[in-house]
Amino acid sequence: MSKRKVLYLIVCMAVAVSGVYADVKLPSVIGNDMVLQQGKPLPIWGWADPGEQVTVQFAKQKKSATTDSDGHWRVDLKAVKAGGPHTMTISGKNTVTLDNILIGEVWVCSGQSNMQMSVGGSDNAKQEIAQANYPNIRLFTAERTIADAPQCDVKGSWVECSPATVADFSAAGYFFGRNLQKDLNLPIGLINSSWGGTLAEAWTSDSTLKADPDYSEILKRGTDLIETFKKDFDKYEMDYADWKEQLKNTLAEGSPLPDMPAAPRSPYRNPNRPSVLYNGMLAPLIPFAVQGAIWYQGESNAARAYQYRKLFSDMIQDWRKNWELEDLSFFFVQLANFDQTYAPATSWAELREAQNMALSLPKTGMAVIIDIGNPKDIHPKNKQEVGRRLALAAEGVTYGQDVVYSGPMYKSMVTEAGKIRVSFDHLGGGLICGDAGDLKGFTIAGADKQFVPAQAKIDGDTVVVWADAVANPVAVRYGWADNPDYCNLYNKAGLPSSPFRTDDWPCVTADAK
């Protein structure tokens, strides 16, 4: 075990564990009905009396460990092939038996409200729930928890996927897992750790944020919330004391009662302080063996989209470092179309661009959903297609299947005779217009940086873009708005092109920290 991991466990135990354990105890993520990751070493850990020997028996393996002075123990089982069900026995002064364990693929499902959104809130919910008989899919939901330091456990339990258990589970996570289970024919474990309206920095560890001066404003905001609350609470206590005196006088005089002062809202319950969700909802899952994570978030960071270019990539690498899984797969959902204003240069367009940039990291993929959002609802209900596109990314990138898993992605451009020719990666059999009409969603600009609506046509594996009003074009944009008027460029696999721009002109969010 690395020194960093040892230090992490010591800090975790110091914060979350106190006293003496009379019995062997396990974190909630290790329990009946769980799925363990195939093909990887399997950390199994928990607590008991200091100095107690604990033995784990599983899949013809038997390993023992002695608890440290904080009562923590851990064994690492060898990789096991997919299958089951299995039974695990953990013995110390007492014995814990875990039943109905499967070996398969384990994925963390995280983000904000569009990941938290339940199957019961998705399209065709009644039918989807009734048909959710998938005993080889297992579901775990981490209770929404805030913490100022890394915790060692979070409330939750594994359940078999069924009409009785699926309704409140993450819709994007469930539909992702359902597609994987059908296509891979393997048990699937899904861990839902999500919270609506939350920022990426809340899901990033304190050590990563503190190591980079670019995040000083994020950390300062978190500190300022606490300091402001302390000052406001001191004032509230004085106001409350004054109110009690006024109350005595008014009761004695028979005068109208004064309004009681309102207590300030505690920032300690604010899920958007830096690192508090990482501490409370991710750290307790580590080092449980997983294959990867799916992520649906970004709406709350859109006002700082330019900063998200770095923050999002750093968060992904933060998870990989702390899980000690350099090959942790990470797939995410690009923001859908939303809003009815059709504003041209927007923070959401820049956030989508920042998400695109994270694809430069290995073992990443993106589900583009610019075509299935709802301009009137920031929570589009078609999570079935979101899950399918995420599963395609996993099948292509993680599992090496011969599938088209991405729509066309901008690669390069050249100017020619008053027009711009745009080339793409991920052609998926060829470019097509998604309907019988003309290509839509393109704008073009000259050196004056004034974009105007453009005509566009598919020419082989490229798109040619032009506008009569721009004689010497230098840049093209596609779908560059919160809610693009229309985007209908696809590949023959039916996956939409990601919005893009060919220029690198200043972003509207460049100075937002």
Protein backbone atom coordinates (compact mmCIF):
# COMPACT_ATOMS: atom_id res chain seq x y z
CA MET A 1 0.00 0.00 0.00
CA SER A 2 1.33 3.46 -0.89
CA LYS A 3 2.32 5.98 1.76
CA ARG A 4 -0.35 8.31 0.42
CA LYS A 5 -3.04 5.68 0.94
CA VAL A 6 -1.80 4.92 4.45
CA LEU A 7 -1.95 8.61 5.36
CA TYR A 8 -5.42 8.86 3.84
CA LEU A 9 -6.70 5.97 5.93
CA ILE A 10 -5.18 7.39 9.10
CA VAL A 11 -6.87 10.75 8.53
CA CYS A 12 -10.13 9.04 7.66
CA MET A 13 -10.08 6.89 10.76
CA ALA A 14 -9.18 9.81 13.00
CA VAL A 15 -12.19 11.72 11.75
CA ALA A 16 -14.80 9.01 11.46
CA VAL A 17 -13.85 6.29 13.93
CA SER A 18 -13.54 6.56 17.66
CA GLY A 19 -13.81 4.17 20.56
CA VAL A 20 -13.35 0.41 20.53
CA TYR A 21 -15.12 -2.04 18.26
CA ALA A 22 -16.42 -5.11 20.03
CA ASP A 23 -17.42 -6.73 16.74
CA VAL A 24 -16.12 -6.87 13.21
CA LYS A 25 -17.87 -4.13 11.25
CA LEU A 26 -17.92 -3.35 7.54
CA PRO A 27 -18.53 -0.19 5.51
CA SER A 28 -21.97 -0.06 3.94
CA VAL A 29 -20.62 -0.54 0.42
CA ILE A 30 -19.49 -4.06 1.40
CA GLY A 31 -22.63 -6.04 2.04
CA ASN A 32 -25.20 -8.59 0.95
CA ASP A 33 -26.26 -8.48 -2.71
CA MET A 34 -23.23 -6.46 -3.80
CA VAL A 35 -21.36 -6.75 -7.07
CA LEU A 36 -17.57 -7.00 -6.89
CA GLN A 37 -15.43 -5.92 -9.83
CA GLN A 38 -14.16 -8.75 -12.00
CA GLY A 39 -10.53 -8.89 -13.08
CA LYS A 40 -9.15 -6.51 -10.43
CA PRO A 41 -7.74 -7.00 -6.91
CA LEU A 42 -10.58 -6.71 -4.39
CA PRO A 43 -9.93 -4.61 -1.26
CA ILE A 44 -12.12 -5.70 1.65
CA TRP A 45 -11.88 -3.62 4.79
CA GLY A 46 -13.58 -2.66 8.02
CA TRP A 47 -13.09 -2.23 11.74
CA ALA A 48 -12.66 -4.38 14.85
CA ASP A 49 -10.85 -4.16 18.17
CA PRO A 50 -7.27 -2.87 17.89
CA GLY A 51 -4.89 -5.80 17.50
CA GLU A 52 -7.66 -8.22 16.52
CA GLN A 53 -7.04 -10.69 13.70
CA VAL A 54 -9.70 -10.67 11.00
CA THR A 55 -10.01 -13.37 8.34
CA VAL A 56 -11.85 -13.06 5.02
CA GLN A 57 -12.89 -16.16 3.09
CA PHE A 58 -14.21 -15.76 -0.46
CA ALA A 59 -14.08 -17.64 -3.77
CA LYS A 60 -11.55 -20.24 -2.53
CA GLN A 61 -9.37 -17.53 -0.98
CA LYS A 62 -8.56 -17.03 2.68
CA LYS A 63 -6.70 -13.93 3.85
CA SER A 64 -6.11 -12.43 7.26
CA ALA A 65 -5.12 -9.05 8.63
CA THR A 66 -4.51 -7.59 12.08
CA THR A 67 -6.24 -4.35 12.94
CA ASP A 68 -4.12 -1.28 13.60
CA SER A 69 -4.29 0.95 16.68
CA ASP A 70 -7.40 2.68 15.28
CA GLY A 71 -9.18 -0.63 14.78
CA HIS A 72 -8.89 -0.59 10.98
CA TRP A 73 -8.13 -3.68 8.92
CA ARG A 74 -7.90 -4.45 5.21
CA VAL A 75 -7.18 -7.45 3.01
CA ASP A 76 -6.74 -7.49 -0.75
CA LEU A 77 -8.23 -10.52 -2.45
CA LYS A 78 -6.99 -11.69 -5.82
CA ALA A 79 -9.06 -10.96 -8.89
CA VAL A 80 -12.07 -13.21 -9.44
CA LYS A 81 -13.82 -14.12 -12.69
CA ALA A 82 -17.34 -12.92 -13.42
CA GLY A 83 -20.17 -15.02 -12.03
CA GLY A 84 -21.82 -15.98 -8.80
CA PRO A 85 -23.66 -15.91 -6.55
CA HIS A 86 -20.96 -16.22 -3.90
CA THR A 87 -20.82 -16.04 -0.12
CA MET A 88 -18.19 -14.14 1.86
CA THR A 89 -17.31 -14.80 5.48
CA ILE A 90 -15.45 -12.26 7.64
CA SER A 91 -14.37 -13.59 11.03
CA GLY A 92 -12.83 -12.03 14.09
CA LYS A 93 -14.30 -12.18 17.57
CA ASN A 94 -17.59 -12.43 15.70
CA THR A 95 -18.45 -13.68 12.22
CA VAL A 96 -20.21 -11.75 9.46
CA THR A 97 -21.61 -13.66 6.49
CA LEU A 98 -22.48 -11.87 3.25
CA ASP A 99 -24.68 -13.66 0.73
CA ASN A 100 -25.80 -13.34 -2.89
CA ILE A 101 -22.60 -11.64 -4.10
CA LEU A 102 -22.00 -11.38 -7.84
CA ILE A 103 -18.78 -10.70 -9.74
CA GLY A 104 -19.12 -8.38 -12.70
CA GLU A 105 -18.72 -4.73 -13.63
CA VAL A 106 -19.03 -1.92 -11.06
CA TRP A 107 -19.69 1.72 -11.96
CA VAL A 108 -20.07 4.89 -9.91
CA CYS A 109 -22.86 7.22 -11.06
CA SER A 110 -22.29 10.80 -9.91
CA GLY A 111 -23.08 14.44 -10.61
CA GLN A 112 -25.92 16.83 -9.95
CA SER A 113 -29.69 16.72 -10.46
CA ASN A 114 -29.73 15.15 -13.91
CA MET A 115 -27.85 12.18 -12.44
CA GLN A 116 -29.90 12.23 -9.26
CA MET A 117 -33.16 12.29 -11.26
CA SER A 118 -34.93 9.00 -10.58
CA VAL A 119 -36.35 6.36 -12.88
CA GLY A 120 -39.72 7.42 -11.48
CA GLY A 121 -39.18 10.88 -12.96
CA SER A 122 -38.10 9.74 -16.43
CA ASP A 123 -40.07 9.15 -19.61
CA ASN A 124 -42.49 6.20 -19.51
CA ALA A 125 -41.74 5.77 -15.83
CA LYS A 126 -44.63 3.46 -15.00
CA GLN A 127 -43.72 1.03 -17.76
CA GLU A 128 -39.98 1.22 -17.06
CA ILE A 129 -40.48 0.44 -13.38
CA ALA A 130 -42.83 -2.46 -14.07
CA GLN A 131 -40.32 -4.05 -16.46
CA ALA A 132 -37.22 -3.58 -14.27
CA ASN A 133 -36.70 -7.24 -13.41
CA TYR A 134 -32.91 -7.48 -13.56
CA PRO A 135 -31.62 -9.51 -10.61
CA ASN A 136 -28.10 -9.37 -12.07
CA ILE A 137 -28.11 -5.58 -11.77
CA ARG A 138 -27.47 -4.41 -8.21
CA LEU A 139 -28.11 -0.89 -6.96
CA PHE A 140 -26.45 1.09 -4.18
CA THR A 141 -27.44 4.68 -3.33
CA ALA A 142 -25.16 6.73 -1.07
CA GLU A 143 -27.13 8.95 1.29
CA ARG A 144 -26.58 12.64 0.53
CA THR A 145 -23.96 13.64 3.09
CA ILE A 146 -21.76 16.70 3.68
CA ALA A 147 -18.47 16.43 5.55
CA ASP A 148 -15.54 18.74 6.27
CA ALA A 149 -13.03 15.86 6.22
CA PRO A 150 -12.92 12.47 4.46
CA GLN A 151 -15.32 10.00 6.03
CA CYS A 152 -14.95 6.24 6.29
CA ASP A 153 -18.57 5.28 5.74
CA VAL A 154 -21.79 6.53 4.20
CA LYS A 155 -25.31 5.20 4.67
CA GLY A 156 -26.54 2.93 1.91
CA SER A 157 -27.14 -0.70 1.02
CA TRP A 158 -27.10 -2.95 -2.03
CA VAL A 159 -30.39 -4.22 -3.48
CA GLU A 160 -31.32 -6.31 -6.47
CA CYS A 161 -32.84 -4.31 -9.30
CA SER A 162 -36.58 -4.94 -9.42
CA PRO A 163 -39.85 -3.00 -9.77
CA ALA A 164 -39.78 -2.66 -5.98
CA THR A 165 -36.30 -1.07 -5.84
CA VAL A 166 -35.65 0.83 -9.08
CA ALA A 167 -38.11 3.75 -8.89
CA ASP A 168 -35.93 6.00 -6.74
CA PHE A 169 -32.62 5.07 -8.33
CA SER A 170 -30.75 7.33 -10.76
CA ALA A 171 -32.44 7.09 -14.16
CA ALA A 172 -29.28 7.85 -16.16
CA GLY A 173 -27.40 5.30 -14.05
CA TYR A 174 -30.04 2.60 -14.37
CA PHE A 175 -30.45 2.93 -18.14
CA PHE A 176 -26.67 2.92 -18.54
CA GLY A 177 -26.41 -0.24 -16.46
CA ARG A 178 -29.34 -1.91 -18.19
CA ASN A 179 -27.71 -1.42 -21.59
CA LEU A 180 -24.38 -2.74 -20.31
CA GLN A 181 -25.97 -5.77 -18.72
CA LYS A 182 -27.78 -6.69 -21.93
CA ASP A 183 -24.81 -6.06 -24.22
CA LEU A 184 -22.08 -7.58 -22.03
CA ASN A 185 -24.20 -10.31 -20.39
CA LEU A 186 -22.42 -9.68 -17.10
CA PRO A 187 -23.60 -8.70 -13.61
CA ILE A 188 -23.60 -4.93 -13.19
CA GLY A 189 -23.17 -3.00 -9.93
CA LEU A 190 -24.25 0.65 -9.89
CA ILE A 191 -23.30 3.04 -7.08
CA ASN A 192 -25.34 6.24 -7.15
CA SER A 193 -23.55 9.11 -5.41
CA SER A 194 -25.17 12.31 -6.67
CA TRP A 195 -26.69 15.56 -5.38
CA GLY A 196 -28.75 18.10 -7.32
CA GLY A 197 -27.50 21.63 -7.88
CA THR A 198 -23.91 20.88 -6.91
CA LEU A 199 -20.57 22.18 -8.17
CA ALA A 200 -17.65 20.12 -9.45
CA GLU A 201 -15.33 21.51 -6.77
CA ALA A 202 -17.58 20.00 -4.07
CA TRP A 203 -16.77 16.57 -5.59
CA THR A 204 -12.99 17.23 -5.69
CA SER A 205 -10.65 16.46 -2.81
CA ASP A 206 -9.19 19.21 -0.65
CA SER A 207 -5.62 18.19 -1.47
CA THR A 208 -6.13 18.70 -5.20
CA LEU A 209 -7.78 22.10 -4.77
CA LYS A 210 -5.15 23.35 -2.32
CA ALA A 211 -2.27 22.20 -4.52
CA ASP A 212 -3.18 24.63 -7.32
CA PRO A 213 -3.24 28.43 -6.91
CA ASP A 214 -5.79 28.63 -9.73
CA TYR A 215 -8.36 27.40 -7.23
CA SER A 216 -7.62 30.00 -4.57
CA GLU A 217 -10.87 31.85 -5.27
CA ILE A 218 -12.86 28.63 -4.91
CA LEU A 219 -11.22 27.92 -1.55
CA LYS A 220 -11.64 31.53 -0.44
CA ARG A 221 -15.34 31.38 -1.23
CA GLY A 222 -15.66 28.33 1.00
CA THR A 223 -13.76 30.02 3.83
CA ASP A 224 -15.74 33.24 3.40
CA LEU A 225 -19.02 31.35 3.77
CA ILE A 226 -17.91 30.11 7.19
CA GLU A 227 -16.51 33.46 8.34
CA THR A 228 -19.59 35.36 7.20
CA PHE A 229 -21.81 32.87 8.98
CA LYS A 230 -19.86 33.29 12.24
CA LYS A 231 -20.24 37.07 12.08
CA ASP A 232 -23.91 36.82 11.17
CA PHE A 233 -24.51 34.34 13.98
CA ASP A 234 -22.81 36.59 16.52
CA LYS A 235 -25.11 39.41 15.41
CA TYR A 236 -28.09 37.08 15.55
CA GLU A 237 -27.31 36.11 19.14
CA MET A 238 -27.21 39.78 20.13
CA ASP A 239 -30.41 40.49 18.22
CA TYR A 240 -32.05 37.49 19.86
CA ALA A 241 -31.04 38.68 23.34
CA ASP A 242 -32.48 42.11 22.55
CA TRP A 243 -35.66 40.49 21.24
CA LYS A 244 -36.16 38.54 24.47
CA GLU A 245 -35.90 41.76 26.45
CA GLN A 246 -38.39 43.46 24.11
CA LEU A 247 -40.67 40.46 24.47
CA LYS A 248 -40.73 40.79 28.27
CA ASN A 249 -41.61 44.46 27.99
CA THR A 250 -44.32 44.01 25.38
CA LEU A 251 -45.91 41.16 27.33
CA ALA A 252 -45.95 43.32 30.44
CA GLU A 253 -47.38 46.29 28.53
CA GLY A 254 -49.79 44.31 26.38
CA SER A 255 -48.20 45.72 23.19
CA PRO A 256 -47.94 43.81 19.86
CA LEU A 257 -45.25 41.16 19.90
CA PRO A 258 -42.00 42.06 18.07
CA ASP A 259 -40.83 39.87 15.21
CA MET A 260 -38.29 37.28 16.29
CA PRO A 261 -34.97 37.65 14.42
CA ALA A 262 -34.22 34.89 11.89
CA ALA A 263 -31.15 32.75 12.42
CA PRO A 264 -28.64 32.87 9.53
CA ARG A 265 -28.56 29.84 7.29
CA SER A 266 -25.72 27.53 8.25
CA PRO A 267 -23.07 26.99 5.54
CA TYR A 268 -22.25 23.69 7.21
CA ARG A 269 -25.32 22.29 5.43
CA ASN A 270 -24.27 23.81 2.10
CA PRO A 271 -23.34 21.01 -0.36
CA ASN A 272 -21.40 23.43 -2.56
CA ARG A 273 -18.51 24.20 -0.26
CA PRO A 274 -15.24 22.86 -1.66
CA SER A 275 -14.65 19.11 -1.18
CA VAL A 276 -17.60 18.45 1.14
CA LEU A 277 -19.27 15.93 -1.17
CA TYR A 278 -16.01 14.23 -2.02
CA ASN A 279 -15.48 13.86 1.74
CA GLY A 280 -18.97 12.65 2.55
CA MET A 281 -20.02 10.66 -0.51
CA LEU A 282 -16.93 9.51 -2.43
CA ALA A 283 -14.17 9.00 0.13
CA PRO A 284 -16.28 6.36 1.96
CA LEU A 285 -16.43 4.32 -1.26
CA ILE A 286 -12.66 4.23 -1.68
CA PRO A 287 -10.94 1.75 -2.19
CA PHE A 288 -13.92 -0.37 -3.33
CA ALA A 289 -12.89 -1.83 -6.70
CA VAL A 290 -14.73 -0.25 -9.63
CA GLN A 291 -14.35 -0.20 -13.40
CA GLY A 292 -15.25 3.43 -13.87
CA ALA A 293 -17.62 6.32 -13.37
CA ILE A 294 -20.35 8.09 -15.30
CA TRP A 295 -20.91 11.78 -14.64
CA TYR A 296 -23.79 14.15 -15.44
CA GLN A 297 -22.99 17.64 -14.17
CA GLY A 298 -21.97 21.07 -15.39
CA GLU A 299 -25.09 23.21 -15.21
CA SER A 300 -24.00 24.65 -11.86
CA ASN A 301 -20.50 25.45 -13.14
CA ALA A 302 -21.63 27.02 -16.42
CA ALA A 303 -21.09 30.60 -15.21
CA ARG A 304 -17.41 29.64 -14.81
CA ALA A 305 -17.20 27.51 -17.94
CA TYR A 306 -13.68 28.60 -18.86
CA GLN A 307 -12.43 27.54 -15.42
CA TYR A 308 -14.20 24.19 -15.91
CA ARG A 309 -11.71 23.37 -18.68
CA LYS A 310 -9.14 22.73 -15.97
CA LEU A 311 -11.33 21.95 -12.97
CA PHE A 312 -13.18 19.09 -14.64
CA SER A 313 -10.01 17.39 -15.87
CA ASP A 314 -8.39 17.85 -12.47
CA MET A 315 -11.42 16.32 -10.78
CA ILE A 316 -11.23 13.24 -13.01
CA GLN A 317 -7.53 12.81 -12.27
CA ASP A 318 -8.20 13.43 -8.57
CA TRP A 319 -10.60 10.48 -8.48
CA ARG A 320 -8.11 8.28 -10.31
CA LYS A 321 -5.30 9.21 -7.95
CA ASN A 322 -7.31 8.68 -4.77
CA TRP A 323 -8.79 5.40 -6.00
CA GLU A 324 -5.29 4.37 -7.10
CA LEU A 325 -6.81 3.39 -10.45
CA GLU A 326 -4.98 5.10 -13.29
CA ASP A 327 -7.19 3.24 -15.74
CA LEU A 328 -10.47 4.32 -14.10
CA SER A 329 -12.84 4.86 -17.02
CA PHE A 330 -14.73 8.14 -16.93
CA PHE A 331 -17.70 8.91 -19.19
CA PHE A 332 -19.79 12.04 -19.00
CA VAL A 333 -22.87 13.69 -20.45
CA GLN A 334 -22.47 16.91 -22.39
CA LEU A 335 -25.03 19.54 -21.46
CA ALA A 336 -28.28 19.29 -23.39
CA ASN A 337 -30.01 22.12 -25.19
CA PHE A 338 -31.87 24.37 -22.74
CA ASP A 339 -33.46 27.84 -22.56
CA GLN A 340 -35.70 29.53 -25.10
CA THR A 341 -33.67 32.64 -25.85
CA TYR A 342 -31.33 31.28 -28.55
CA ALA A 343 -28.59 33.56 -27.23
CA PRO A 344 -25.52 33.24 -29.50
CA ALA A 345 -22.42 33.44 -27.26
CA THR A 346 -23.27 31.74 -24.00
CA SER A 347 -21.78 30.11 -20.96
CA TRP A 348 -23.47 26.79 -21.73
CA ALA A 349 -21.77 26.62 -25.13
CA GLU A 350 -18.44 27.27 -23.42
CA LEU A 351 -19.18 24.62 -20.79
CA ARG A 352 -19.82 22.08 -23.55
CA GLU A 353 -16.48 23.06 -25.07
CA ALA A 354 -14.78 22.51 -21.70
CA GLN A 355 -16.36 19.07 -21.54
CA ASN A 356 -15.03 18.32 -25.03
CA MET A 357 -11.54 19.19 -23.84
CA ALA A 358 -11.65 16.55 -21.11
CA LEU A 359 -11.67 13.94 -23.89
CA SER A 360 -7.92 14.53 -24.18
CA LEU A 361 -7.57 12.37 -21.05
CA PRO A 362 -7.27 8.62 -21.64
CA LYS A 363 -10.20 6.30 -20.98
CA THR A 364 -12.81 9.05 -21.32
CA GLY A 365 -15.92 9.39 -23.48
CA MET A 366 -18.86 11.75 -23.86
CA ALA A 367 -22.55 11.31 -24.55
CA VAL A 368 -23.70 14.24 -26.70
CA ILE A 369 -27.40 15.03 -26.10
CA ILE A 370 -27.78 18.38 -27.85
CA ASP A 371 -30.71 16.84 -29.73
CA ILE A 372 -32.80 15.45 -26.86
CA GLY A 373 -32.96 18.26 -24.32
CA ASN A 374 -36.03 20.27 -23.40
CA PRO A 375 -35.80 24.06 -23.85
CA LYS A 376 -38.42 24.48 -21.09
CA ASP A 377 -36.96 21.99 -18.61
CA ILE A 378 -33.38 21.83 -17.36
CA HIS A 379 -34.12 18.19 -16.46
CA PRO A 380 -34.94 16.44 -19.75
CA LYS A 381 -36.78 13.19 -19.10
CA ASN A 382 -35.36 11.07 -21.91
CA LYS A 383 -32.77 9.43 -19.72
CA GLN A 384 -33.12 6.18 -21.69
CA GLU A 385 -31.14 7.63 -24.59
CA VAL A 386 -28.67 9.29 -22.22
CA GLY A 387 -27.97 5.89 -20.66
CA ARG A 388 -27.70 4.21 -24.05
CA ARG A 389 -25.15 6.71 -25.34
CA LEU A 390 -23.10 6.44 -22.14
CA ALA A 391 -23.16 2.66 -22.46
CA LEU A 392 -21.94 2.90 -26.06
CA ALA A 393 -18.97 4.95 -24.84
CA ALA A 394 -18.15 2.32 -22.23
CA GLU A 395 -18.51 -0.52 -24.71
CA GLY A 396 -16.23 1.18 -27.22
CA VAL A 397 -13.58 2.64 -24.93
CA THR A 398 -13.47 0.37 -21.88
CA TYR A 399 -14.56 -2.96 -23.31
CA GLY A 400 -13.03 -2.58 -26.78
CA GLN A 401 -16.15 -3.58 -28.67
CA ASP A 402 -16.52 -2.73 -32.35
CA VAL A 403 -19.26 -0.14 -31.90
CA VAL A 404 -19.70 3.46 -32.98
CA TYR A 405 -19.76 5.28 -29.66
CA SER A 406 -19.46 8.95 -30.62
CA GLY A 407 -21.06 11.34 -33.04
CA PRO A 408 -18.93 13.49 -35.38
CA MET A 409 -16.30 15.54 -33.54
CA TYR A 410 -14.66 18.60 -35.06
CA LYS A 411 -11.10 17.91 -36.25
CA SER A 412 -9.91 20.71 -38.55
CA MET A 413 -10.86 23.36 -41.11
CA VAL A 414 -9.51 24.94 -44.27
CA THR A 415 -10.68 28.01 -46.18
CA GLU A 416 -11.29 27.77 -49.89
CA ALA A 417 -12.82 30.36 -52.26
CA GLY A 418 -15.00 32.18 -49.74
CA LYS A 419 -16.05 29.01 -47.93
CA ILE A 420 -14.80 26.90 -45.04
CA ARG A 421 -14.45 23.14 -45.24
CA VAL A 422 -14.75 21.36 -41.89
CA SER A 423 -13.38 17.86 -41.21
CA PHE A 424 -14.44 15.47 -38.45
CA ASP A 425 -13.38 12.46 -36.42
CA HIS A 426 -15.84 9.68 -35.51
CA LEU A 427 -17.52 9.60 -38.91
CA GLY A 428 -19.44 6.45 -37.95
CA GLY A 429 -19.94 5.30 -41.52
CA GLY A 430 -20.37 8.79 -42.91
CA LEU A 431 -21.97 12.16 -42.23
CA ILE A 432 -25.71 12.62 -42.67
CA CYS A 433 -28.35 15.25 -42.13
CA GLY A 434 -30.62 14.06 -39.36
CA ASP A 435 -33.76 14.86 -41.34
CA ALA A 436 -34.77 15.45 -44.94
CA GLY A 437 -34.00 19.17 -44.84
CA ASP A 438 -30.82 21.22 -45.01
CA LEU A 439 -28.06 21.28 -42.41
CA LYS A 440 -28.85 23.75 -39.65
CA GLY A 441 -27.05 25.28 -36.69
CA PHE A 442 -23.98 26.69 -38.49
CA THR A 443 -22.75 30.29 -38.29
CA ILE A 444 -19.74 31.88 -39.96
CA ALA A 445 -17.62 34.99 -39.41
CA GLY A 446 -14.88 37.01 -41.00
CA ALA A 447 -12.01 38.79 -39.29
CA ASP A 448 -14.51 41.18 -37.67
CA LYS A 449 -15.71 38.26 -35.47
CA GLN A 450 -19.35 38.96 -36.33
CA PHE A 451 -21.11 35.64 -36.81
CA VAL A 452 -24.04 35.33 -39.18
CA PRO A 453 -26.27 32.35 -40.05
CA ALA A 454 -24.60 30.16 -42.64
CA GLN A 455 -25.50 27.62 -45.26
CA ALA A 456 -23.88 24.22 -45.01
CA LYS A 457 -23.76 21.02 -47.03
CA ILE A 458 -22.18 17.63 -46.60
CA ASP A 459 -19.41 16.91 -49.11
CA GLY A 460 -18.08 13.40 -48.57
CA ASP A 461 -16.59 13.26 -45.07
CA THR A 462 -16.58 17.04 -44.69
CA VAL A 463 -19.06 19.88 -44.33
CA VAL A 464 -18.71 23.00 -46.46
CA VAL A 465 -19.99 26.21 -44.81
CA TRP A 466 -20.56 29.66 -46.33
CA ALA A 467 -22.64 32.83 -46.21
CA ASP A 468 -23.06 35.41 -48.97
CA ALA A 469 -22.61 38.18 -46.40
CA VAL A 470 -19.10 36.96 -45.45
CA ALA A 471 -16.75 37.12 -48.43
CA ASN A 472 -13.61 36.10 -46.52
CA PRO A 473 -14.62 33.75 -43.72
CA VAL A 474 -12.16 32.76 -41.00
CA ALA A 475 -14.27 30.87 -38.44
CA VAL A 476 -17.26 28.56 -38.15
CA ARG A 477 -19.42 27.69 -35.16
CA TYR A 478 -22.02 24.94 -34.83
CA GLY A 479 -24.71 24.73 -32.17
CA TRP A 480 -23.07 27.58 -30.28
CA ALA A 481 -25.89 28.59 -27.90
CA ASP A 482 -27.58 27.50 -24.69
CA ASN A 483 -30.38 26.14 -26.83
CA PRO A 484 -29.25 26.02 -30.46
CA ASP A 485 -32.06 26.78 -32.88
CA TYR A 486 -31.53 23.44 -34.57
CA CYS A 487 -28.71 20.92 -34.84
CA ASN A 488 -29.07 18.09 -37.33
CA LEU A 489 -25.56 16.89 -38.20
CA TYR A 490 -25.21 13.17 -37.39
CA ASN A 491 -23.20 10.18 -38.45
CA LYS A 492 -24.83 7.14 -40.02
CA ALA A 493 -24.87 5.43 -36.62
CA GLY A 494 -27.45 8.04 -35.57
CA LEU A 495 -25.25 9.88 -33.08
CA PRO A 496 -25.27 13.69 -33.14
CA SER A 497 -22.27 15.91 -33.70
CA SER A 498 -21.03 17.80 -30.69
CA PRO A 499 -21.37 21.60 -30.88
CA PHE A 500 -18.04 23.20 -31.70
CA ARG A 501 -16.21 26.29 -32.84
CA THR A 502 -13.12 26.56 -35.04
CA ASP A 503 -11.92 29.83 -33.47
CA ASP A 504 -10.21 30.48 -30.14
CA TRP A 505 -11.54 33.97 -29.60
CA PRO A 506 -12.01 35.14 -25.99
CA CYS A 507 -14.68 33.38 -23.94
CA VAL A 508 -17.44 35.29 -22.18
CA THR A 509 -16.59 33.35 -18.99
CA ALA A 510 -12.80 33.77 -19.21
CA ASP A 511 -12.53 35.98 -16.12
CA ALA A 512 -15.03 34.14 -13.91
CA LYS A 513 -13.22 32.46 -11.00
